[in-house]
Amino acid sequence: MEREMRGALIELVLSDEAPPDPPTRIDGVVVGTIAGIGEDGSPLVSYDAAPTPQRARSVVPIDEGHREFDVALMFEGGDPTRPIVMGLMYVPKRREAEATPTTPPDPTVATPVGTTAVHPTAERDGERLVLTAEREIVLRCGHSSITLTRAGKILIKGAYLSSRSSGVNRIQGGSVQIN
């Protein structure tokens, strides 16, 4: 990546065009792109005000798999040479009929802008955590699991189940089968 940065700088120096003067201060959010990962593991970002990719700090994990993803950038003290990646640009979920991913999405990897993958989402506001997925959500630990399905089924599996309540412990359903 260092060679690519030097090559871009050499091309810029040898070109007949004078580079535009970079702004002395950038306030607000700028949309940039992950150009790669530096030797120290920091993201390299490109954006309109920078002729070559710049090293950035990040508030979210960024790795080589995020190359060419659009990101939201802010600048420490407004300094255009000190970008901070605030996050990956969100891709809204498309309707199921339009979204036809060929492989199941990896929930740990964000989708670049312009693709159609449908991802599970998690929303947290300090009061409540909402997990959303298209087909099912599975919580698993050892030999136990809780599965929520699209059809409305809740499957609880384990070697030992205990249900305790200080108030009413109610079981309600169309029919209740015990053993």
N, C-alpha and C. Protein backbone atom coordinates (compact mmCIF):
# COMPACT_ATOMS: atom_id res chain seq x y z
N MET A 1 0.83 -1.19 0.00
CA MET A 1 0.00 0.00 0.00
C MET A 1 0.87 1.25 0.00
N GLU A 2 2.02 1.19 0.71
CA GLU A 2 2.94 2.33 0.74
C GLU A 2 3.40 2.66 -0.68
N ARG A 3 3.68 1.61 -1.49
CA ARG A 3 4.11 1.84 -2.88
C ARG A 3 3.02 2.54 -3.67
N GLU A 4 1.77 2.11 -3.47
CA GLU A 4 0.66 2.75 -4.18
C GLU A 4 0.56 4.22 -3.81
N MET A 5 0.72 4.53 -2.52
CA MET A 5 0.65 5.93 -2.08
C MET A 5 1.79 6.74 -2.70
N ARG A 6 3.02 6.18 -2.70
CA ARG A 6 4.16 6.88 -3.29
C ARG A 6 3.95 7.04 -4.79
N GLY A 7 3.42 5.99 -5.46
CA GLY A 7 3.16 6.07 -6.89
C GLY A 7 2.16 7.16 -7.22
N ALA A 8 1.10 7.27 -6.43
CA ALA A 8 0.10 8.32 -6.65
C ALA A 8 0.71 9.70 -6.45
N LEU A 9 1.59 9.82 -5.45
CA LEU A 9 2.24 11.10 -5.18
C LEU A 9 3.19 11.46 -6.31
N ILE A 10 3.95 10.49 -6.82
CA ILE A 10 4.87 10.74 -7.93
C ILE A 10 4.10 11.16 -9.17
N GLU A 11 3.00 10.46 -9.48
CA GLU A 11 2.17 10.84 -10.63
C GLU A 11 1.67 12.26 -10.50
N LEU A 12 1.27 12.64 -9.29
CA LEU A 12 0.77 13.99 -9.05
C LEU A 12 1.87 15.01 -9.26
N VAL A 13 3.09 14.72 -8.78
CA VAL A 13 4.21 15.65 -8.93
C VAL A 13 4.59 15.79 -10.40
N LEU A 14 4.59 14.69 -11.16
CA LEU A 14 5.01 14.71 -12.56
C LEU A 14 3.93 15.25 -13.50
N SER A 15 2.70 15.31 -13.06
CA SER A 15 1.63 15.77 -13.94
C SER A 15 1.75 17.28 -14.16
N ASP A 16 1.19 17.72 -15.27
CA ASP A 16 1.23 19.15 -15.61
C ASP A 16 0.25 19.97 -14.79
N GLU A 17 -0.74 19.30 -14.23
CA GLU A 17 -1.78 20.01 -13.49
C GLU A 17 -1.28 20.34 -12.09
N ALA A 18 -1.59 21.50 -11.65
CA ALA A 18 -1.27 21.88 -10.26
C ALA A 18 -2.36 21.29 -9.37
N PRO A 19 -1.97 20.64 -8.27
CA PRO A 19 -2.99 20.08 -7.40
C PRO A 19 -3.81 21.20 -6.76
N PRO A 20 -5.09 20.92 -6.50
CA PRO A 20 -5.89 21.95 -5.84
C PRO A 20 -5.38 22.17 -4.43
N ASP A 21 -5.48 23.39 -3.98
CA ASP A 21 -5.06 23.68 -2.61
C ASP A 21 -5.99 22.98 -1.64
N PRO A 22 -5.42 22.19 -0.72
CA PRO A 22 -6.28 21.50 0.25
C PRO A 22 -6.87 22.51 1.22
N PRO A 23 -8.07 22.22 1.70
CA PRO A 23 -8.66 23.15 2.67
C PRO A 23 -7.84 23.16 3.95
N THR A 24 -7.85 24.29 4.63
CA THR A 24 -7.09 24.39 5.87
C THR A 24 -7.88 23.84 7.05
N ARG A 25 -9.18 23.71 6.89
CA ARG A 25 -10.03 23.20 7.96
C ARG A 25 -11.25 22.51 7.35
N ILE A 26 -11.64 21.38 7.93
CA ILE A 26 -12.86 20.69 7.48
C ILE A 26 -13.74 20.48 8.71
N ASP A 27 -14.91 21.07 8.69
CA ASP A 27 -15.88 20.89 9.76
C ASP A 27 -17.03 20.03 9.25
N GLY A 28 -17.60 19.23 10.11
CA GLY A 28 -18.71 18.39 9.71
C GLY A 28 -18.25 17.04 9.20
N VAL A 29 -19.16 16.31 8.59
CA VAL A 29 -18.91 14.95 8.14
C VAL A 29 -18.57 14.97 6.65
N VAL A 30 -17.56 14.17 6.29
CA VAL A 30 -17.16 14.00 4.89
C VAL A 30 -17.27 12.51 4.57
N VAL A 31 -17.79 12.18 3.39
CA VAL A 31 -17.84 10.78 2.98
C VAL A 31 -16.55 10.46 2.24
N GLY A 32 -15.88 9.42 2.70
CA GLY A 32 -14.63 8.98 2.08
C GLY A 32 -14.72 7.50 1.77
N THR A 33 -13.60 6.92 1.38
CA THR A 33 -13.53 5.51 1.00
C THR A 33 -12.32 4.87 1.66
N ILE A 34 -12.48 3.62 2.10
CA ILE A 34 -11.34 2.87 2.64
C ILE A 34 -10.46 2.48 1.45
N ALA A 35 -9.23 2.99 1.42
CA ALA A 35 -8.30 2.69 0.33
C ALA A 35 -7.45 1.47 0.64
N GLY A 36 -7.36 1.11 1.90
CA GLY A 36 -6.55 -0.04 2.30
C GLY A 36 -6.25 0.03 3.78
N ILE A 37 -5.31 -0.81 4.20
CA ILE A 37 -4.88 -0.86 5.59
C ILE A 37 -3.38 -0.64 5.63
N GLY A 38 -2.92 0.27 6.49
CA GLY A 38 -1.50 0.55 6.61
C GLY A 38 -0.76 -0.58 7.31
N GLU A 39 0.57 -0.50 7.30
CA GLU A 39 1.40 -1.53 7.93
C GLU A 39 1.12 -1.65 9.43
N ASP A 40 0.72 -0.54 10.05
CA ASP A 40 0.42 -0.57 11.49
C ASP A 40 -1.02 -0.98 11.78
N GLY A 41 -1.78 -1.33 10.73
CA GLY A 41 -3.16 -1.77 10.92
C GLY A 41 -4.19 -0.65 10.87
N SER A 42 -3.74 0.59 10.73
CA SER A 42 -4.69 1.69 10.68
C SER A 42 -5.27 1.80 9.27
N PRO A 43 -6.53 2.24 9.18
CA PRO A 43 -7.15 2.36 7.85
C PRO A 43 -6.53 3.52 7.07
N LEU A 44 -6.44 3.35 5.76
CA LEU A 44 -6.03 4.41 4.85
C LEU A 44 -7.28 4.86 4.13
N VAL A 45 -7.59 6.14 4.20
CA VAL A 45 -8.83 6.65 3.62
C VAL A 45 -8.52 7.67 2.54
N SER A 46 -9.38 7.70 1.55
CA SER A 46 -9.29 8.74 0.53
C SER A 46 -10.59 9.53 0.55
N TYR A 47 -10.45 10.82 0.28
CA TYR A 47 -11.60 11.72 0.24
C TYR A 47 -11.23 12.88 -0.65
N ASP A 48 -12.20 13.68 -1.05
CA ASP A 48 -11.99 14.72 -2.06
C ASP A 48 -10.86 15.68 -1.73
N ALA A 49 -10.68 16.03 -0.47
CA ALA A 49 -9.68 17.04 -0.10
C ALA A 49 -8.26 16.47 0.00
N ALA A 50 -8.09 15.16 -0.16
CA ALA A 50 -6.76 14.55 -0.03
C ALA A 50 -6.33 13.94 -1.37
N PRO A 51 -5.19 14.37 -1.93
CA PRO A 51 -4.75 13.82 -3.21
C PRO A 51 -4.29 12.37 -3.11
N THR A 52 -3.83 11.94 -1.93
CA THR A 52 -3.39 10.55 -1.71
C THR A 52 -4.10 10.02 -0.47
N PRO A 53 -4.21 8.69 -0.34
CA PRO A 53 -4.84 8.14 0.86
C PRO A 53 -4.12 8.58 2.13
N GLN A 54 -4.90 8.87 3.17
CA GLN A 54 -4.40 9.36 4.45
C GLN A 54 -4.59 8.29 5.53
N ARG A 55 -3.64 8.18 6.44
CA ARG A 55 -3.82 7.33 7.61
C ARG A 55 -4.91 7.93 8.48
N ALA A 56 -5.74 7.06 9.03
CA ALA A 56 -6.84 7.54 9.86
C ALA A 56 -6.91 6.72 11.14
N ARG A 57 -7.53 7.29 12.12
CA ARG A 57 -7.92 6.53 13.30
C ARG A 57 -9.37 6.15 13.09
N SER A 58 -9.87 5.20 13.88
CA SER A 58 -11.23 4.72 13.65
C SER A 58 -11.93 4.40 14.96
N VAL A 59 -13.22 4.69 15.02
CA VAL A 59 -14.02 4.33 16.19
C VAL A 59 -14.71 2.98 15.99
N VAL A 60 -14.56 2.40 14.79
CA VAL A 60 -15.12 1.08 14.49
C VAL A 60 -14.00 0.19 13.95
N PRO A 61 -14.11 -1.13 14.11
CA PRO A 61 -13.08 -2.02 13.56
C PRO A 61 -13.09 -1.97 12.04
N ILE A 62 -11.93 -1.78 11.45
CA ILE A 62 -11.77 -1.74 10.00
C ILE A 62 -10.67 -2.73 9.64
N ASP A 63 -10.91 -3.58 8.62
CA ASP A 63 -9.86 -4.49 8.17
C ASP A 63 -9.84 -4.50 6.65
N GLU A 64 -8.97 -5.32 6.08
CA GLU A 64 -8.79 -5.37 4.63
C GLU A 64 -10.09 -5.71 3.90
N GLY A 65 -11.00 -6.41 4.55
CA GLY A 65 -12.29 -6.74 3.93
C GLY A 65 -13.18 -5.53 3.70
N HIS A 66 -12.83 -4.39 4.28
CA HIS A 66 -13.63 -3.18 4.12
C HIS A 66 -13.11 -2.28 3.00
N ARG A 67 -12.11 -2.74 2.25
CA ARG A 67 -11.54 -1.92 1.17
C ARG A 67 -12.67 -1.49 0.22
N GLU A 68 -12.65 -0.24 -0.16
CA GLU A 68 -13.61 0.40 -1.07
C GLU A 68 -14.97 0.64 -0.44
N PHE A 69 -15.13 0.39 0.85
CA PHE A 69 -16.39 0.73 1.51
C PHE A 69 -16.42 2.25 1.72
N ASP A 70 -17.58 2.84 1.60
CA ASP A 70 -17.75 4.24 1.93
C ASP A 70 -17.83 4.39 3.44
N VAL A 71 -17.19 5.44 3.97
CA VAL A 71 -17.16 5.67 5.41
C VAL A 71 -17.46 7.13 5.70
N ALA A 72 -17.97 7.38 6.91
CA ALA A 72 -18.18 8.75 7.39
C ALA A 72 -16.92 9.18 8.11
N LEU A 73 -16.37 10.31 7.69
CA LEU A 73 -15.13 10.84 8.28
C LEU A 73 -15.39 12.15 8.99
N MET A 74 -14.71 12.34 10.10
CA MET A 74 -14.63 13.65 10.75
C MET A 74 -13.15 13.91 10.97
N PHE A 75 -12.79 15.12 11.31
CA PHE A 75 -11.39 15.48 11.39
C PHE A 75 -11.08 16.09 12.75
N GLU A 76 -10.06 15.54 13.40
CA GLU A 76 -9.68 16.00 14.74
C GLU A 76 -9.28 17.47 14.67
N GLY A 77 -9.98 18.29 15.43
CA GLY A 77 -9.72 19.73 15.44
C GLY A 77 -9.96 20.39 14.09
N GLY A 78 -10.70 19.73 13.19
CA GLY A 78 -10.96 20.28 11.86
C GLY A 78 -9.78 20.12 10.92
N ASP A 79 -8.69 19.46 11.36
CA ASP A 79 -7.47 19.31 10.58
C ASP A 79 -7.65 18.24 9.50
N PRO A 80 -7.58 18.62 8.20
CA PRO A 80 -7.80 17.66 7.13
C PRO A 80 -6.76 16.54 7.05
N THR A 81 -5.65 16.68 7.77
CA THR A 81 -4.63 15.62 7.77
C THR A 81 -4.82 14.65 8.92
N ARG A 82 -5.89 14.82 9.72
CA ARG A 82 -6.13 13.95 10.87
C ARG A 82 -7.54 13.36 10.83
N PRO A 83 -7.83 12.52 9.81
CA PRO A 83 -9.18 11.95 9.68
C PRO A 83 -9.46 10.87 10.74
N ILE A 84 -10.71 10.80 11.11
CA ILE A 84 -11.20 9.77 12.03
C ILE A 84 -12.39 9.10 11.35
N VAL A 85 -12.33 7.78 11.20
CA VAL A 85 -13.45 7.03 10.62
C VAL A 85 -14.52 6.90 11.71
N MET A 86 -15.69 7.48 11.47
CA MET A 86 -16.78 7.44 12.45
C MET A 86 -17.65 6.21 12.27
N GLY A 87 -17.65 5.64 11.07
CA GLY A 87 -18.44 4.44 10.83
C GLY A 87 -18.56 4.15 9.35
N LEU A 88 -19.04 2.95 9.06
CA LEU A 88 -19.31 2.55 7.69
C LEU A 88 -20.67 3.09 7.28
N MET A 89 -20.81 3.46 6.03
CA MET A 89 -22.08 4.00 5.56
C MET A 89 -23.12 2.88 5.55
N TYR A 90 -24.27 3.15 6.10
CA TYR A 90 -25.35 2.18 6.23
C TYR A 90 -26.03 1.97 4.89
N VAL A 91 -26.34 0.70 4.57
CA VAL A 91 -27.08 0.36 3.36
C VAL A 91 -28.46 -0.11 3.81
N PRO A 92 -29.52 0.62 3.48
CA PRO A 92 -30.85 0.20 3.93
C PRO A 92 -31.21 -1.17 3.39
N LYS A 93 -31.97 -1.90 4.20
CA LYS A 93 -32.43 -3.23 3.82
C LYS A 93 -33.44 -3.10 2.69
N ARG A 94 -33.26 -3.91 1.65
CA ARG A 94 -34.20 -3.89 0.54
C ARG A 94 -35.29 -4.91 0.79
N ARG A 95 -36.41 -4.75 0.10
CA ARG A 95 -37.50 -5.71 0.25
C ARG A 95 -37.02 -7.10 -0.14
N GLU A 96 -37.58 -8.11 0.50
CA GLU A 96 -37.14 -9.49 0.31
C GLU A 96 -37.22 -9.91 -1.16
N ALA A 97 -38.22 -9.45 -1.89
CA ALA A 97 -38.37 -9.84 -3.29
C ALA A 97 -37.22 -9.30 -4.12
N GLU A 98 -36.68 -8.13 -3.75
CA GLU A 98 -35.60 -7.53 -4.51
C GLU A 98 -34.25 -8.08 -4.08
N ALA A 99 -34.11 -8.46 -2.82
CA ALA A 99 -32.83 -8.92 -2.31
C ALA A 99 -32.71 -10.42 -2.48
N THR A 100 -31.77 -10.85 -3.30
CA THR A 100 -31.58 -12.28 -3.52
C THR A 100 -30.11 -12.63 -3.35
N PRO A 101 -29.60 -12.57 -2.11
CA PRO A 101 -28.20 -12.92 -1.92
C PRO A 101 -27.98 -14.40 -2.22
N THR A 102 -26.83 -14.73 -2.83
CA THR A 102 -26.55 -16.12 -3.19
C THR A 102 -25.97 -16.90 -2.03
N THR A 103 -25.33 -16.22 -1.07
CA THR A 103 -24.80 -16.88 0.11
C THR A 103 -25.29 -16.16 1.34
N PRO A 104 -25.40 -16.84 2.47
CA PRO A 104 -25.85 -16.16 3.68
C PRO A 104 -24.86 -15.06 4.05
N PRO A 105 -25.34 -13.89 4.46
CA PRO A 105 -24.44 -12.80 4.80
C PRO A 105 -23.70 -13.09 6.10
N ASP A 106 -22.47 -12.59 6.21
CA ASP A 106 -21.70 -12.67 7.44
C ASP A 106 -22.09 -11.48 8.30
N PRO A 107 -22.70 -11.67 9.48
CA PRO A 107 -23.18 -10.55 10.27
C PRO A 107 -22.07 -9.67 10.81
N THR A 108 -20.82 -10.10 10.76
CA THR A 108 -19.73 -9.28 11.28
C THR A 108 -19.14 -8.36 10.23
N VAL A 109 -19.60 -8.47 8.98
CA VAL A 109 -19.05 -7.67 7.90
C VAL A 109 -20.15 -6.77 7.35
N ALA A 110 -19.88 -5.48 7.24
CA ALA A 110 -20.85 -4.53 6.70
C ALA A 110 -20.90 -4.67 5.18
N THR A 111 -21.98 -4.18 4.58
CA THR A 111 -22.17 -4.24 3.15
C THR A 111 -21.78 -2.92 2.52
N PRO A 112 -20.96 -2.94 1.45
CA PRO A 112 -20.62 -1.67 0.82
C PRO A 112 -21.84 -1.05 0.16
N VAL A 113 -21.83 0.28 0.03
CA VAL A 113 -22.93 0.99 -0.59
C VAL A 113 -23.13 0.48 -2.00
N GLY A 114 -24.37 0.25 -2.39
CA GLY A 114 -24.69 -0.19 -3.74
C GLY A 114 -24.89 -1.68 -3.88
N THR A 115 -24.73 -2.47 -2.81
CA THR A 115 -24.97 -3.90 -2.90
C THR A 115 -26.34 -4.23 -2.33
N THR A 116 -26.78 -5.49 -2.50
CA THR A 116 -28.14 -5.84 -2.12
C THR A 116 -28.24 -6.81 -0.96
N ALA A 117 -27.15 -7.14 -0.29
CA ALA A 117 -27.20 -8.12 0.80
C ALA A 117 -28.08 -7.61 1.93
N VAL A 118 -28.80 -8.53 2.57
CA VAL A 118 -29.66 -8.19 3.70
C VAL A 118 -28.95 -8.66 4.96
N HIS A 119 -28.73 -7.78 5.90
CA HIS A 119 -27.97 -8.10 7.10
C HIS A 119 -28.83 -8.07 8.35
N PRO A 120 -28.48 -8.92 9.31
CA PRO A 120 -29.10 -8.78 10.62
C PRO A 120 -28.72 -7.43 11.20
N THR A 121 -29.57 -6.88 12.04
CA THR A 121 -29.25 -5.59 12.64
C THR A 121 -29.42 -5.67 14.15
N ALA A 122 -28.73 -4.81 14.85
CA ALA A 122 -28.86 -4.70 16.30
C ALA A 122 -29.01 -3.22 16.62
N GLU A 123 -30.00 -2.89 17.42
CA GLU A 123 -30.22 -1.51 17.84
C GLU A 123 -30.20 -1.46 19.35
N ARG A 124 -29.50 -0.47 19.90
CA ARG A 124 -29.38 -0.36 21.35
C ARG A 124 -29.55 1.10 21.72
N ASP A 125 -30.33 1.37 22.74
CA ASP A 125 -30.52 2.74 23.18
C ASP A 125 -30.27 2.90 24.67
N GLY A 126 -29.67 1.92 25.32
CA GLY A 126 -29.42 1.99 26.75
C GLY A 126 -30.56 1.39 27.57
N GLU A 127 -31.73 1.33 27.01
CA GLU A 127 -32.89 0.79 27.69
C GLU A 127 -33.27 -0.59 27.16
N ARG A 128 -32.98 -0.81 25.87
CA ARG A 128 -33.47 -2.00 25.21
C ARG A 128 -32.52 -2.37 24.08
N LEU A 129 -32.36 -3.66 23.82
CA LEU A 129 -31.57 -4.15 22.70
C LEU A 129 -32.51 -4.90 21.77
N VAL A 130 -32.54 -4.50 20.51
CA VAL A 130 -33.41 -5.14 19.52
C VAL A 130 -32.52 -5.79 18.48
N LEU A 131 -32.63 -7.12 18.32
CA LEU A 131 -31.92 -7.86 17.28
C LEU A 131 -32.93 -8.20 16.20
N THR A 132 -32.58 -7.96 14.96
CA THR A 132 -33.50 -8.21 13.85
C THR A 132 -32.78 -9.03 12.79
N ALA A 133 -33.46 -10.05 12.28
CA ALA A 133 -32.92 -10.86 11.18
C ALA A 133 -34.06 -11.29 10.29
N GLU A 134 -33.75 -11.65 9.06
CA GLU A 134 -34.79 -12.04 8.10
C GLU A 134 -35.36 -13.42 8.38
N ARG A 135 -34.52 -14.43 8.73
CA ARG A 135 -34.99 -15.80 8.83
C ARG A 135 -35.07 -16.29 10.27
N GLU A 136 -33.97 -16.18 11.02
CA GLU A 136 -34.01 -16.63 12.41
C GLU A 136 -32.86 -16.01 13.20
N ILE A 137 -33.04 -16.01 14.52
CA ILE A 137 -32.02 -15.56 15.45
C ILE A 137 -31.76 -16.72 16.39
N VAL A 138 -30.50 -17.06 16.59
CA VAL A 138 -30.12 -18.16 17.48
C VAL A 138 -29.17 -17.63 18.54
N LEU A 139 -29.50 -17.86 19.81
CA LEU A 139 -28.59 -17.61 20.92
C LEU A 139 -28.11 -18.98 21.37
N ARG A 140 -26.80 -19.20 21.37
CA ARG A 140 -26.27 -20.52 21.68
C ARG A 140 -25.14 -20.41 22.69
N CYS A 141 -25.13 -21.33 23.65
CA CYS A 141 -24.04 -21.44 24.63
C CYS A 141 -23.92 -22.91 25.00
N GLY A 142 -22.80 -23.53 24.64
CA GLY A 142 -22.61 -24.95 24.95
C GLY A 142 -23.68 -25.80 24.29
N HIS A 143 -24.39 -26.60 25.10
CA HIS A 143 -25.43 -27.49 24.58
C HIS A 143 -26.83 -26.86 24.64
N SER A 144 -26.91 -25.58 24.96
CA SER A 144 -28.23 -24.94 25.05
C SER A 144 -28.38 -23.89 23.96
N SER A 145 -29.64 -23.66 23.57
CA SER A 145 -29.91 -22.63 22.56
C SER A 145 -31.34 -22.13 22.66
N ILE A 146 -31.52 -20.91 22.19
CA ILE A 146 -32.85 -20.33 22.02
C ILE A 146 -32.91 -19.86 20.57
N THR A 147 -33.91 -20.34 19.83
CA THR A 147 -34.04 -19.99 18.42
C THR A 147 -35.38 -19.30 18.20
N LEU A 148 -35.35 -18.15 17.53
CA LEU A 148 -36.56 -17.43 17.13
C LEU A 148 -36.64 -17.55 15.61
N THR A 149 -37.77 -18.01 15.08
CA THR A 149 -37.89 -18.19 13.63
C THR A 149 -38.84 -17.17 13.02
N ARG A 150 -38.75 -17.01 11.73
CA ARG A 150 -39.62 -16.10 11.00
C ARG A 150 -41.09 -16.48 11.14
N ALA A 151 -41.36 -17.79 11.26
CA ALA A 151 -42.74 -18.29 11.36
C ALA A 151 -43.36 -18.02 12.73
N GLY A 152 -42.60 -17.47 13.68
CA GLY A 152 -43.14 -17.18 15.00
C GLY A 152 -42.84 -18.25 16.03
N LYS A 153 -42.04 -19.24 15.69
CA LYS A 153 -41.70 -20.30 16.64
C LYS A 153 -40.55 -19.85 17.53
N ILE A 154 -40.60 -20.25 18.79
CA ILE A 154 -39.52 -20.05 19.73
C ILE A 154 -39.12 -21.43 20.23
N LEU A 155 -37.90 -21.83 19.94
CA LEU A 155 -37.42 -23.15 20.30
C LEU A 155 -36.35 -23.00 21.39
N ILE A 156 -36.60 -23.61 22.55
CA ILE A 156 -35.65 -23.57 23.66
C ILE A 156 -35.14 -24.98 23.87
N LYS A 157 -33.82 -25.16 23.79
CA LYS A 157 -33.22 -26.48 23.94
C LYS A 157 -32.14 -26.41 25.01
N GLY A 158 -32.06 -27.46 25.82
CA GLY A 158 -31.02 -27.51 26.83
C GLY A 158 -31.07 -28.82 27.59
N ALA A 159 -30.00 -29.13 28.30
CA ALA A 159 -29.95 -30.35 29.11
C ALA A 159 -30.81 -30.20 30.35
N TYR A 160 -31.00 -28.97 30.84
CA TYR A 160 -31.79 -28.72 32.04
C TYR A 160 -32.48 -27.38 31.84
N LEU A 161 -33.81 -27.33 32.02
CA LEU A 161 -34.56 -26.09 31.92
C LEU A 161 -35.18 -25.78 33.27
N SER A 162 -35.08 -24.55 33.69
CA SER A 162 -35.66 -24.12 34.95
C SER A 162 -36.48 -22.87 34.70
N SER A 163 -37.70 -22.87 35.17
CA SER A 163 -38.56 -21.70 35.04
C SER A 163 -38.99 -21.28 36.44
N ARG A 164 -38.61 -20.10 36.87
CA ARG A 164 -38.95 -19.61 38.21
C ARG A 164 -39.58 -18.24 38.11
N SER A 165 -40.47 -17.97 39.03
CA SER A 165 -41.13 -16.68 39.03
C SER A 165 -41.53 -16.31 40.45
N SER A 166 -41.38 -15.05 40.82
CA SER A 166 -41.86 -14.60 42.13
C SER A 166 -43.35 -14.28 42.05
N GLY A 167 -43.85 -14.13 40.82
CA GLY A 167 -45.28 -13.90 40.60
C GLY A 167 -45.86 -15.10 39.88
N VAL A 168 -46.89 -14.85 39.10
CA VAL A 168 -47.56 -15.92 38.36
C VAL A 168 -46.62 -16.43 37.26
N ASN A 169 -46.52 -17.74 37.13
CA ASN A 169 -45.78 -18.38 36.05
C ASN A 169 -46.83 -19.03 35.15
N ARG A 170 -47.17 -18.36 34.07
CA ARG A 170 -48.30 -18.76 33.26
C ARG A 170 -47.82 -19.44 31.98
N ILE A 171 -48.45 -20.54 31.61
CA ILE A 171 -48.22 -21.21 30.33
C ILE A 171 -49.54 -21.15 29.59
N GLN A 172 -49.51 -20.53 28.41
CA GLN A 172 -50.75 -20.34 27.68
C GLN A 172 -50.50 -20.71 26.23
N GLY A 173 -51.44 -21.38 25.58
CA GLY A 173 -51.28 -21.74 24.18
C GLY A 173 -52.54 -22.41 23.67
N GLY A 174 -52.58 -22.63 22.35
CA GLY A 174 -53.71 -23.31 21.75
C GLY A 174 -53.91 -24.68 22.38
N SER A 175 -52.80 -25.36 22.67
CA SER A 175 -52.82 -26.59 23.45
C SER A 175 -51.48 -26.64 24.18
N VAL A 176 -51.48 -27.28 25.35
CA VAL A 176 -50.27 -27.40 26.15
C VAL A 176 -50.00 -28.89 26.36
N GLN A 177 -48.81 -29.32 25.93
CA GLN A 177 -48.44 -30.73 26.08
C GLN A 177 -47.33 -30.83 27.11
N ILE A 178 -47.51 -31.64 28.11
CA ILE A 178 -46.49 -31.90 29.11
C ILE A 178 -46.16 -33.37 29.02
N ASN A 179 -44.88 -33.66 28.73
CA ASN A 179 -44.38 -35.02 28.50
C ASN A 179 -45.11 -35.58 27.34
